[in-house]
Amino acid sequence: MTVAISHSPEVQAFFAKAAGIGNDQGNPRLKQIVLRILQDSARLIEDLAISDDEFWQAVDYLNGLGSRHEAGLLMAGLGLEHFLDLLSDARDSLAGHGGGTPRTIEGPLYVAGAPLCEGEAKLDDGRDPGQPMQLEGQVRGLDGQPLAGAIVDVWHANTQGLYSYFDTSQSAYNLRRRIRTDAQGRYRARSIVPSGYGCPADGPTQACLDQLGRHGQRPAHIHFFISAPGHRHLTTQINLAGDEYLWDDFAHATRDGLVGEVEQLDDGVARVSFDFCLQPAVHADDEQRSQRPRALQAG
């Protein structure tokens, strides 16, 4: 027999009190969000007949997720970060904004403050014996004109699928740079071909994916923030062609128009050429990336 009380006036009043509704202290927006979470959680518990054991297992899972700093990873794996992109796409379509390079997820591994280079940069510190990679391209506006002085903020994993800062064996800002485009809007970088990687095998994200019957693998990819005065900030990444997980990315980041072709040069260097096209900014805030909390390298 199912007992449903979540809609009762008494329970609704109880949740409103728990969310701080009715007092003039605190943050009204947060109160609204917390009230909705409480109401929807109560409905889920009732509708799916969640047992006490299941409830407390979920609480324990959240504790483990936080202790391993994997909440951002799980949001990508469950598709919620990709949903934010789909929602932004839908809003853009409704507002008549279109064209340009597609957006896709940022992921949880950006580190602010990478060195700024003019025109070209060397991303790797020379300690990883990976295949050399020549990364290059141009930043343009929707009118096709090159955007001189645009900032290409680029970061990617090493050949072990690990990122500097989070992997303390790597030097500071290894495989991370900001590049200011030249007069023709071009950027160039020398680096190594990154490897794909999987969620930590012993972590809570992979434990969840295992229960869903899913893998936790990502294809080799390169992340970008692209910004230029008067243009909308772009958060995107390119997944490298030929990877077995190219269209089976556990983080749902691969999108049409965001596949980087890898050309093998005679000297053993892999060349990846990718151009970016930015939409014009409608509001000043369009030029800025989100205020999402991000890591910052100490010192």
C-alpha atoms as a PDB file:
ATOM      1  CA  MET A   1       0.000   0.000   0.000  1.00  0.00           C
ATOM      2  CA  THR A   2       1.406   3.381  -1.024  1.00  0.00           C
ATOM      3  CA  VAL A   3       0.976   6.289   1.359  1.00  0.00           C
ATOM      4  CA  ALA A   4       1.119   9.747  -0.237  1.00  0.00           C
ATOM      5  CA  ILE A   5       1.392  12.751   2.047  1.00  0.00           C
ATOM      6  CA  SER A   6       3.837  15.028   0.213  1.00  0.00           C
ATOM      7  CA  HIS A   7       1.035  17.194  -1.182  1.00  0.00           C
ATOM      8  CA  SER A   8      -0.759  17.624   2.111  1.00  0.00           C
ATOM      9  CA  PRO A   9      -0.992  21.170   3.497  1.00  0.00           C
ATOM     10  CA  GLU A  10       0.818  20.096   6.643  1.00  0.00           C
ATOM     11  CA  VAL A  11       3.830  18.675   4.779  1.00  0.00           C
ATOM     12  CA  GLN A  12       3.944  21.611   2.369  1.00  0.00           C
ATOM     13  CA  ALA A  13       3.941  24.035   5.309  1.00  0.00           C
ATOM     14  CA  PHE A  14       6.678  21.980   6.970  1.00  0.00           C
ATOM     15  CA  PHE A  15       8.918  22.136   3.888  1.00  0.00           C
ATOM     16  CA  ALA A  16       8.273  25.860   3.509  1.00  0.00           C
ATOM     17  CA  LYS A  17       9.445  26.395   7.074  1.00  0.00           C
ATOM     18  CA  ALA A  18      12.512  24.181   6.495  1.00  0.00           C
ATOM     19  CA  ALA A  19      13.399  26.270   3.429  1.00  0.00           C
ATOM     20  CA  GLY A  20      13.145  29.517   5.368  1.00  0.00           C
ATOM     21  CA  ILE A  21      10.028  30.699   3.549  1.00  0.00           C
ATOM     22  CA  GLY A  22       8.228  33.335   5.581  1.00  0.00           C
ATOM     23  CA  ASN A  23      11.233  34.868   7.332  1.00  0.00           C
ATOM     24  CA  ASP A  24      12.957  37.982   6.046  1.00  0.00           C
ATOM     25  CA  GLN A  25      16.496  36.661   6.450  1.00  0.00           C
ATOM     26  CA  GLY A  26      18.771  34.835   4.022  1.00  0.00           C
ATOM     27  CA  ASN A  27      18.691  34.522   0.247  1.00  0.00           C
ATOM     28  CA  PRO A  28      15.223  34.483  -1.386  1.00  0.00           C
ATOM     29  CA  ARG A  29      16.486  32.761  -4.534  1.00  0.00           C
ATOM     30  CA  LEU A  30      18.133  29.961  -2.544  1.00  0.00           C
ATOM     31  CA  LYS A  31      14.959  29.529  -0.493  1.00  0.00           C
ATOM     32  CA  GLN A  32      12.979  29.043  -3.682  1.00  0.00           C
ATOM     33  CA  ILE A  33      15.450  26.449  -4.973  1.00  0.00           C
ATOM     34  CA  VAL A  34      15.657  24.540  -1.673  1.00  0.00           C
ATOM     35  CA  LEU A  35      11.880  24.435  -1.350  1.00  0.00           C
ATOM     36  CA  ARG A  36      11.600  22.934  -4.833  1.00  0.00           C
ATOM     37  CA  ILE A  37      14.305  20.361  -4.034  1.00  0.00           C
ATOM     38  CA  LEU A  38      12.493  19.328  -0.867  1.00  0.00           C
ATOM     39  CA  GLN A  39       9.131  19.080  -2.613  1.00  0.00           C
ATOM     40  CA  ASP A  40      10.459  17.122  -5.600  1.00  0.00           C
ATOM     41  CA  SER A  41      12.556  14.836  -3.388  1.00  0.00           C
ATOM     42  CA  ALA A  42       9.500  14.000  -1.284  1.00  0.00           C
ATOM     43  CA  ARG A  43       7.512  13.169  -4.417  1.00  0.00           C
ATOM     44  CA  LEU A  44      10.349  10.942  -5.696  1.00  0.00           C
ATOM     45  CA  ILE A  45      10.509   9.093  -2.353  1.00  0.00           C
ATOM     46  CA  GLU A  46       6.768   8.483  -2.483  1.00  0.00           C
ATOM     47  CA  ASP A  47       6.399   7.719  -6.196  1.00  0.00           C
ATOM     48  CA  LEU A  48       9.269   5.228  -6.312  1.00  0.00           C
ATOM     49  CA  ALA A  49       8.661   3.877  -2.814  1.00  0.00           C
ATOM     50  CA  ILE A  50      12.237   4.650  -1.763  1.00  0.00           C
ATOM     51  CA  SER A  51      13.122   2.593   1.292  1.00  0.00           C
ATOM     52  CA  ASP A  52      14.949   3.934   4.329  1.00  0.00           C
ATOM     53  CA  ASP A  53      17.951   1.800   3.365  1.00  0.00           C
ATOM     54  CA  GLU A  54      18.016   3.264  -0.170  1.00  0.00           C
ATOM     55  CA  PHE A  55      17.707   6.784   1.197  1.00  0.00           C
ATOM     56  CA  TRP A  56      20.654   6.448   3.557  1.00  0.00           C
ATOM     57  CA  GLN A  57      22.740   4.658   0.939  1.00  0.00           C
ATOM     58  CA  ALA A  58      22.190   7.689  -1.286  1.00  0.00           C
ATOM     59  CA  VAL A  59      23.271  10.024   1.520  1.00  0.00           C
ATOM     60  CA  ASP A  60      26.403   7.951   2.053  1.00  0.00           C
ATOM     61  CA  TYR A  61      27.073   8.029  -1.703  1.00  0.00           C
ATOM     62  CA  LEU A  62      26.887  11.837  -1.698  1.00  0.00           C
ATOM     63  CA  ASN A  63      29.351  11.949   1.175  1.00  0.00           C
ATOM     64  CA  GLY A  64      31.758   9.796  -0.834  1.00  0.00           C
ATOM     65  CA  LEU A  65      31.206  11.857  -3.963  1.00  0.00           C
ATOM     66  CA  GLY A  66      32.177  15.024  -2.108  1.00  0.00           C
ATOM     67  CA  SER A  67      35.203  13.512  -0.418  1.00  0.00           C
ATOM     68  CA  ARG A  68      36.560  12.428  -3.817  1.00  0.00           C
ATOM     69  CA  HIS A  69      35.740  15.801  -5.457  1.00  0.00           C
ATOM     70  CA  GLU A  70      33.829  14.011  -8.219  1.00  0.00           C
ATOM     71  CA  ALA A  71      30.555  15.933  -8.217  1.00  0.00           C
ATOM     72  CA  GLY A  72      31.511  17.757 -11.426  1.00  0.00           C
ATOM     73  CA  LEU A  73      32.510  14.468 -13.029  1.00  0.00           C
ATOM     74  CA  LEU A  74      29.180  12.876 -12.164  1.00  0.00           C
ATOM     75  CA  MET A  75      27.257  15.866 -13.539  1.00  0.00           C
ATOM     76  CA  ALA A  76      29.033  15.337 -16.856  1.00  0.00           C
ATOM     77  CA  GLY A  77      28.477  11.583 -16.802  1.00  0.00           C
ATOM     78  CA  LEU A  78      24.766  11.833 -16.053  1.00  0.00           C
ATOM     79  CA  GLY A  79      24.330  14.355 -18.845  1.00  0.00           C
ATOM     80  CA  LEU A  80      23.288  17.327 -16.744  1.00  0.00           C
ATOM     81  CA  GLU A  81      26.227  19.440 -17.935  1.00  0.00           C
ATOM     82  CA  HIS A  82      25.316  18.589 -21.537  1.00  0.00           C
ATOM     83  CA  PHE A  83      21.707  19.492 -20.755  1.00  0.00           C
ATOM     84  CA  LEU A  84      22.853  23.001 -19.839  1.00  0.00           C
ATOM     85  CA  ASP A  85      24.315  23.273 -23.365  1.00  0.00           C
ATOM     86  CA  LEU A  86      21.089  21.999 -24.913  1.00  0.00           C
ATOM     87  CA  LEU A  87      19.136  24.526 -22.863  1.00  0.00           C
ATOM     88  CA  SER A  88      21.451  27.346 -23.981  1.00  0.00           C
ATOM     89  CA  ASP A  89      21.080  26.198 -27.594  1.00  0.00           C
ATOM     90  CA  ALA A  90      17.300  26.296 -27.267  1.00  0.00           C
ATOM     91  CA  ARG A  91      17.372  29.762 -25.726  1.00  0.00           C
ATOM     92  CA  ASP A  92      19.678  30.987 -28.505  1.00  0.00           C
ATOM     93  CA  SER A  93      17.332  29.591 -31.138  1.00  0.00           C
ATOM     94  CA  LEU A  94      14.357  31.312 -29.542  1.00  0.00           C
ATOM     95  CA  ALA A  95      16.279  34.610 -29.440  1.00  0.00           C
ATOM     96  CA  GLY A  96      17.440  34.270 -33.047  1.00  0.00           C
ATOM     97  CA  HIS A  97      21.111  33.729 -32.190  1.00  0.00           C
ATOM     98  CA  GLY A  98      22.765  31.216 -34.480  1.00  0.00           C
ATOM     99  CA  GLY A  99      25.903  30.276 -36.327  1.00  0.00           C
ATOM    100  CA  GLY A 100      29.428  29.969 -35.111  1.00  0.00           C
ATOM    101  CA  THR A 101      31.297  27.115 -33.492  1.00  0.00           C
ATOM    102  CA  PRO A 102      29.102  24.921 -31.282  1.00  0.00           C
ATOM    103  CA  ARG A 103      29.467  25.061 -27.530  1.00  0.00           C
ATOM    104  CA  THR A 104      30.048  21.974 -25.430  1.00  0.00           C
ATOM    105  CA  ILE A 105      30.850  21.143 -21.830  1.00  0.00           C
ATOM    106  CA  GLU A 106      33.757  22.677 -19.921  1.00  0.00           C
ATOM    107  CA  GLY A 107      34.332  19.691 -17.645  1.00  0.00           C
ATOM    108  CA  PRO A 108      35.773  19.941 -14.128  1.00  0.00           C
ATOM    109  CA  LEU A 109      39.514  20.207 -14.882  1.00  0.00           C
ATOM    110  CA  TYR A 110      40.162  23.831 -15.891  1.00  0.00           C
ATOM    111  CA  VAL A 111      42.759  25.826 -13.949  1.00  0.00           C
ATOM    112  CA  ALA A 112      42.703  29.622 -14.151  1.00  0.00           C
ATOM    113  CA  GLY A 113      45.740  31.806 -14.712  1.00  0.00           C
ATOM    114  CA  ALA A 114      47.697  29.923 -17.374  1.00  0.00           C
ATOM    115  CA  PRO A 115      50.569  31.908 -18.935  1.00  0.00           C
ATOM    116  CA  LEU A 116      49.564  34.253 -21.763  1.00  0.00           C
ATOM    117  CA  CYS A 117      51.549  33.891 -24.997  1.00  0.00           C
ATOM    118  CA  GLU A 118      51.550  36.015 -28.148  1.00  0.00           C
ATOM    119  CA  GLY A 119      50.531  34.202 -31.324  1.00  0.00           C
ATOM    120  CA  GLU A 120      52.012  30.841 -30.461  1.00  0.00           C
ATOM    121  CA  ALA A 121      52.921  28.751 -27.437  1.00  0.00           C
ATOM    122  CA  LYS A 122      54.621  25.566 -26.327  1.00  0.00           C
ATOM    123  CA  LEU A 123      52.160  23.751 -24.099  1.00  0.00           C
ATOM    124  CA  ASP A 124      54.153  20.791 -22.818  1.00  0.00           C
ATOM    125  CA  ASP A 125      57.213  20.855 -20.564  1.00  0.00           C
ATOM    126  CA  GLY A 126      59.060  18.172 -22.569  1.00  0.00           C
ATOM    127  CA  ARG A 127      58.841  15.508 -19.874  1.00  0.00           C
ATOM    128  CA  ASP A 128      56.151  13.370 -21.542  1.00  0.00           C
ATOM    129  CA  PRO A 129      57.483  11.329 -24.509  1.00  0.00           C
ATOM    130  CA  GLY A 130      54.218  11.577 -26.416  1.00  0.00           C
ATOM    131  CA  GLN A 131      53.808  12.172 -30.119  1.00  0.00           C
ATOM    132  CA  PRO A 132      54.506  15.829 -30.965  1.00  0.00           C
ATOM    133  CA  MET A 133      51.408  17.734 -31.983  1.00  0.00           C
ATOM    134  CA  GLN A 134      51.110  20.937 -33.978  1.00  0.00           C
ATOM    135  CA  LEU A 135      47.843  22.648 -33.051  1.00  0.00           C
ATOM    136  CA  GLU A 136      46.787  25.623 -35.134  1.00  0.00           C
ATOM    137  CA  GLY A 137      43.839  27.548 -36.443  1.00  0.00           C
ATOM    138  CA  GLN A 138      42.109  30.877 -36.850  1.00  0.00           C
ATOM    139  CA  VAL A 139      39.472  32.765 -34.874  1.00  0.00           C
ATOM    140  CA  ARG A 140      36.886  34.638 -36.952  1.00  0.00           C
ATOM    141  CA  GLY A 141      33.580  36.413 -36.499  1.00  0.00           C
ATOM    142  CA  LEU A 142      30.338  35.425 -38.205  1.00  0.00           C
ATOM    143  CA  ASP A 143      31.224  37.836 -41.006  1.00  0.00           C
ATOM    144  CA  GLY A 144      34.314  35.752 -41.754  1.00  0.00           C
ATOM    145  CA  GLN A 145      36.725  38.460 -40.663  1.00  0.00           C
ATOM    146  CA  PRO A 146      39.701  37.350 -38.554  1.00  0.00           C
ATOM    147  CA  LEU A 147      39.687  38.409 -34.920  1.00  0.00           C
ATOM    148  CA  ALA A 148      43.106  39.746 -33.990  1.00  0.00           C
ATOM    149  CA  GLY A 149      43.817  39.762 -30.267  1.00  0.00           C
ATOM    150  CA  ALA A 150      41.324  37.027 -29.417  1.00  0.00           C
ATOM    151  CA  ILE A 151      42.322  34.835 -26.479  1.00  0.00           C
ATOM    152  CA  VAL A 152      42.516  31.094 -27.055  1.00  0.00           C
ATOM    153  CA  ASP A 153      42.640  29.435 -23.624  1.00  0.00           C
ATOM    154  CA  VAL A 154      43.586  25.798 -24.224  1.00  0.00           C
ATOM    155  CA  TRP A 155      44.129  22.811 -21.936  1.00  0.00           C
ATOM    156  CA  HIS A 156      44.333  19.046 -22.367  1.00  0.00           C
ATOM    157  CA  ALA A 157      45.522  15.818 -20.760  1.00  0.00           C
ATOM    158  CA  ASN A 158      48.908  14.128 -21.098  1.00  0.00           C
ATOM    159  CA  THR A 159      49.536  10.667 -22.560  1.00  0.00           C
ATOM    160  CA  GLN A 160      48.310   9.084 -19.319  1.00  0.00           C
ATOM    161  CA  GLY A 161      45.019  10.955 -19.523  1.00  0.00           C
ATOM    162  CA  LEU A 162      45.992  13.156 -16.571  1.00  0.00           C
ATOM    163  CA  TYR A 163      45.796  16.937 -16.143  1.00  0.00           C
ATOM    164  CA  SER A 164      48.368  19.161 -14.492  1.00  0.00           C
ATOM    165  CA  TYR A 165      47.455  20.628 -11.098  1.00  0.00           C
ATOM    166  CA  PHE A 166      45.162  17.666 -10.404  1.00  0.00           C
ATOM    167  CA  ASP A 167      48.096  15.367 -11.190  1.00  0.00           C
ATOM    168  CA  THR A 168      50.781  16.782  -8.908  1.00  0.00           C
ATOM    169  CA  SER A 169      53.592  14.958 -10.746  1.00  0.00           C
ATOM    170  CA  GLN A 170      53.254  17.434 -13.634  1.00  0.00           C
ATOM    171  CA  SER A 171      54.782  20.894 -13.656  1.00  0.00           C
ATOM    172  CA  ALA A 172      52.587  23.934 -13.056  1.00  0.00           C
ATOM    173  CA  TYR A 173      50.379  24.748 -16.052  1.00  0.00           C
ATOM    174  CA  ASN A 174      51.750  21.867 -18.092  1.00  0.00           C
ATOM    175  CA  LEU A 175      49.562  21.516 -21.203  1.00  0.00           C
ATOM    176  CA  ARG A 176      47.745  24.748 -20.328  1.00  0.00           C
ATOM    177  CA  ARG A 177      48.243  28.102 -22.050  1.00  0.00           C
ATOM    178  CA  ARG A 178      46.411  31.213 -23.167  1.00  0.00           C
ATOM    179  CA  ILE A 179      47.322  32.390 -26.676  1.00  0.00           C
ATOM    180  CA  ARG A 180      46.556  35.828 -28.090  1.00  0.00           C
ATOM    181  CA  THR A 181      45.817  35.555 -31.801  1.00  0.00           C
ATOM    182  CA  ASP A 182      47.985  37.453 -34.294  1.00  0.00           C
ATOM    183  CA  ALA A 183      46.881  40.087 -36.813  1.00  0.00           C
ATOM    184  CA  GLN A 184      45.269  37.369 -38.958  1.00  0.00           C
ATOM    185  CA  GLY A 185      43.414  35.892 -36.000  1.00  0.00           C
ATOM    186  CA  ARG A 186      45.687  32.867 -35.982  1.00  0.00           C
ATOM    187  CA  TYR A 187      46.947  30.813 -33.037  1.00  0.00           C
ATOM    188  CA  ARG A 188      49.622  28.127 -33.004  1.00  0.00           C
ATOM    189  CA  ALA A 189      50.709  25.702 -30.312  1.00  0.00           C
ATOM    190  CA  ARG A 190      53.286  22.954 -29.996  1.00  0.00           C
ATOM    191  CA  SER A 191      52.265  20.135 -27.698  1.00  0.00           C
ATOM    192  CA  ILE A 192      51.804  16.364 -27.525  1.00  0.00           C
ATOM    193  CA  VAL A 193      48.808  14.311 -28.642  1.00  0.00           C
ATOM    194  CA  PRO A 194      46.589  13.801 -25.587  1.00  0.00           C
ATOM    195  CA  SER A 195      45.170  10.456 -24.595  1.00  0.00           C
ATOM    196  CA  GLY A 196      41.612   9.656 -23.705  1.00  0.00           C
ATOM    197  CA  TYR A 197      40.907   8.459 -20.207  1.00  0.00           C
ATOM    198  CA  GLY A 198      38.307   6.973 -17.926  1.00  0.00           C
ATOM    199  CA  CYS A 199      36.735   7.880 -14.625  1.00  0.00           C
ATOM    200  CA  PRO A 200      38.772   6.704 -11.612  1.00  0.00           C
ATOM    201  CA  ALA A 201      37.985   2.997 -11.414  1.00  0.00           C
ATOM    202  CA  ASP A 202      37.621   3.083  -7.634  1.00  0.00           C
ATOM    203  CA  GLY A 203      35.603   6.308  -7.508  1.00  0.00           C
ATOM    204  CA  PRO A 204      31.909   6.994  -6.898  1.00  0.00           C
ATOM    205  CA  THR A 205      31.238   8.202 -10.458  1.00  0.00           C
ATOM    206  CA  GLN A 206      32.346   4.908 -11.975  1.00  0.00           C
ATOM    207  CA  ALA A 207      30.454   3.043  -9.238  1.00  0.00           C
ATOM    208  CA  CYS A 208      27.272   4.804 -10.358  1.00  0.00           C
ATOM    209  CA  LEU A 209      27.991   4.166 -14.035  1.00  0.00           C
ATOM    210  CA  ASP A 210      28.582   0.486 -13.281  1.00  0.00           C
ATOM    211  CA  GLN A 211      25.092   0.267 -11.797  1.00  0.00           C
ATOM    212  CA  LEU A 212      23.732   1.936 -14.939  1.00  0.00           C
ATOM    213  CA  GLY A 213      25.567  -0.529 -17.184  1.00  0.00           C
ATOM    214  CA  ARG A 214      27.690   2.239 -18.693  1.00  0.00           C
ATOM    215  CA  HIS A 215      31.411   2.764 -19.263  1.00  0.00           C
ATOM    216  CA  GLY A 216      33.212   5.879 -18.054  1.00  0.00           C
ATOM    217  CA  GLN A 217      35.572   6.501 -20.974  1.00  0.00           C
ATOM    218  CA  ARG A 218      36.334   9.729 -22.813  1.00  0.00           C
ATOM    219  CA  PRO A 219      37.966  10.058 -26.238  1.00  0.00           C
ATOM    220  CA  ALA A 220      41.138  12.085 -26.659  1.00  0.00           C
ATOM    221  CA  HIS A 221      40.129  15.742 -26.682  1.00  0.00           C
ATOM    222  CA  ILE A 222      41.323  19.329 -26.318  1.00  0.00           C
ATOM    223  CA  HIS A 223      39.460  21.988 -24.312  1.00  0.00           C
ATOM    224  CA  PHE A 224      39.083  25.652 -25.287  1.00  0.00           C
ATOM    225  CA  PHE A 225      37.772  28.946 -24.013  1.00  0.00           C
ATOM    226  CA  ILE A 226      37.666  31.459 -26.885  1.00  0.00           C
ATOM    227  CA  SER A 227      37.054  35.139 -26.207  1.00  0.00           C
ATOM    228  CA  ALA A 228      37.316  38.411 -28.121  1.00  0.00           C
ATOM    229  CA  PRO A 229      36.006  41.938 -27.494  1.00  0.00           C
ATOM    230  CA  GLY A 230      32.520  42.414 -28.868  1.00  0.00           C
ATOM    231  CA  HIS A 231      31.896  38.681 -29.218  1.00  0.00           C
ATOM    232  CA  ARG A 232      30.225  35.991 -27.168  1.00  0.00           C
ATOM    233  CA  HIS A 233      32.540  33.890 -25.049  1.00  0.00           C
ATOM    234  CA  LEU A 234      32.755  30.310 -26.303  1.00  0.00           C
ATOM    235  CA  THR A 235      33.304  27.252 -24.129  1.00  0.00           C
ATOM    236  CA  THR A 236      34.003  24.207 -26.264  1.00  0.00           C
ATOM    237  CA  GLN A 237      36.294  21.268 -26.942  1.00  0.00           C
ATOM    238  CA  ILE A 238      37.278  19.151 -29.910  1.00  0.00           C
ATOM    239  CA  ASN A 239      37.353  15.366 -29.747  1.00  0.00           C
ATOM    240  CA  LEU A 240      40.006  13.825 -31.933  1.00  0.00           C
ATOM    241  CA  ALA A 241      38.959  11.794 -34.961  1.00  0.00           C
ATOM    242  CA  GLY A 242      39.781   8.104 -34.964  1.00  0.00           C
ATOM    243  CA  ASP A 243      39.301   7.528 -31.241  1.00  0.00           C
ATOM    244  CA  GLU A 244      37.152   4.490 -30.435  1.00  0.00           C
ATOM    245  CA  TYR A 245      35.055   6.568 -28.042  1.00  0.00           C
ATOM    246  CA  LEU A 246      34.618   9.521 -30.400  1.00  0.00           C
ATOM    247  CA  TRP A 247      30.838   9.112 -30.577  1.00  0.00           C
ATOM    248  CA  ASP A 248      30.517   7.190 -27.319  1.00  0.00           C
ATOM    249  CA  ASP A 249      31.852   9.792 -24.888  1.00  0.00           C
ATOM    250  CA  PHE A 250      30.603   9.080 -21.369  1.00  0.00           C
ATOM    251  CA  ALA A 251      30.482  12.858 -20.778  1.00  0.00           C
ATOM    252  CA  HIS A 252      28.289  13.460 -23.873  1.00  0.00           C
ATOM    253  CA  ALA A 253      30.635  16.190 -25.155  1.00  0.00           C
ATOM    254  CA  THR A 254      31.049  15.140 -28.803  1.00  0.00           C
ATOM    255  CA  ARG A 255      28.933  17.278 -31.126  1.00  0.00           C
ATOM    256  CA  ASP A 256      28.731  17.740 -34.876  1.00  0.00           C
ATOM    257  CA  GLY A 257      31.260  20.375 -35.878  1.00  0.00           C
ATOM    258  CA  LEU A 258      33.587  19.618 -32.967  1.00  0.00           C
ATOM    259  CA  VAL A 259      35.693  16.770 -34.332  1.00  0.00           C
ATOM    260  CA  GLY A 260      39.359  17.521 -34.844  1.00  0.00           C
ATOM    261  CA  GLU A 261      41.008  15.691 -37.729  1.00  0.00           C
ATOM    262  CA  VAL A 262      44.527  14.455 -37.043  1.00  0.00           C
ATOM    263  CA  GLU A 263      46.960  14.704 -39.955  1.00  0.00           C
ATOM    264  CA  GLN A 264      50.155  12.672 -39.701  1.00  0.00           C
ATOM    265  CA  LEU A 265      53.093  14.647 -41.087  1.00  0.00           C
ATOM    266  CA  ASP A 266      56.245  13.123 -42.573  1.00  0.00           C
ATOM    267  CA  ASP A 267      58.383  14.209 -39.611  1.00  0.00           C
ATOM    268  CA  GLY A 268      56.299  12.215 -37.110  1.00  0.00           C
ATOM    269  CA  VAL A 269      54.332  15.231 -35.965  1.00  0.00           C
ATOM    270  CA  ALA A 270      50.543  15.100 -35.742  1.00  0.00           C
ATOM    271  CA  ARG A 271      48.847  18.257 -37.001  1.00  0.00           C
ATOM    272  CA  VAL A 272      45.432  19.314 -35.743  1.00  0.00           C
ATOM    273  CA  SER A 273      43.943  22.360 -37.459  1.00  0.00           C
ATOM    274  CA  PHE A 274      40.758  23.838 -36.066  1.00  0.00           C
ATOM    275  CA  ASP A 275      39.152  27.214 -36.683  1.00  0.00           C
ATOM    276  CA  PHE A 276      36.687  28.935 -34.380  1.00  0.00           C
ATOM    277  CA  CYS A 277      33.850  31.266 -35.299  1.00  0.00           C
ATOM    278  CA  LEU A 278      32.383  33.548 -32.631  1.00  0.00           C
ATOM    279  CA  GLN A 279      28.947  35.101 -32.484  1.00  0.00           C
ATOM    280  CA  PRO A 280      28.662  38.842 -31.802  1.00  0.00           C
ATOM    281  CA  ALA A 281      27.871  39.817 -28.224  1.00  0.00           C
ATOM    282  CA  VAL A 282      24.406  41.239 -27.616  1.00  0.00           C
ATOM    283  CA  HIS A 283      25.089  42.238 -24.013  1.00  0.00           C
ATOM    284  CA  ALA A 284      28.359  42.990 -22.242  1.00  0.00           C
ATOM    285  CA  ASP A 285      27.912  39.856 -20.104  1.00  0.00           C
ATOM    286  CA  ASP A 286      28.009  37.751 -23.285  1.00  0.00           C
ATOM    287  CA  GLU A 287      31.750  38.392 -23.507  1.00  0.00           C
ATOM    288  CA  GLN A 288      32.421  36.758 -20.124  1.00  0.00           C
ATOM    289  CA  ARG A 289      32.573  33.098 -19.216  1.00  0.00           C
ATOM    290  CA  SER A 290      30.333  31.784 -16.455  1.00  0.00           C
ATOM    291  CA  GLN A 291      31.184  32.393 -12.814  1.00  0.00           C
ATOM    292  CA  ARG A 292      31.486  28.672 -12.160  1.00  0.00           C
ATOM    293  CA  PRO A 293      34.034  27.999  -9.357  1.00  0.00           C
ATOM    294  CA  ARG A 294      37.371  26.951 -10.854  1.00  0.00           C
ATOM    295  CA  ALA A 295      40.782  25.895  -9.583  1.00  0.00           C
ATOM    296  CA  LEU A 296      43.618  28.422  -9.399  1.00  0.00           C
ATOM    297  CA  GLN A 297      47.276  27.390  -9.343  1.00  0.00           C
ATOM    298  CA  ALA A 298      48.950  28.552  -6.128  1.00  0.00           C
ATOM    299  CA  GLY A 299      52.044  30.709  -6.452  1.00  0.00           C
END
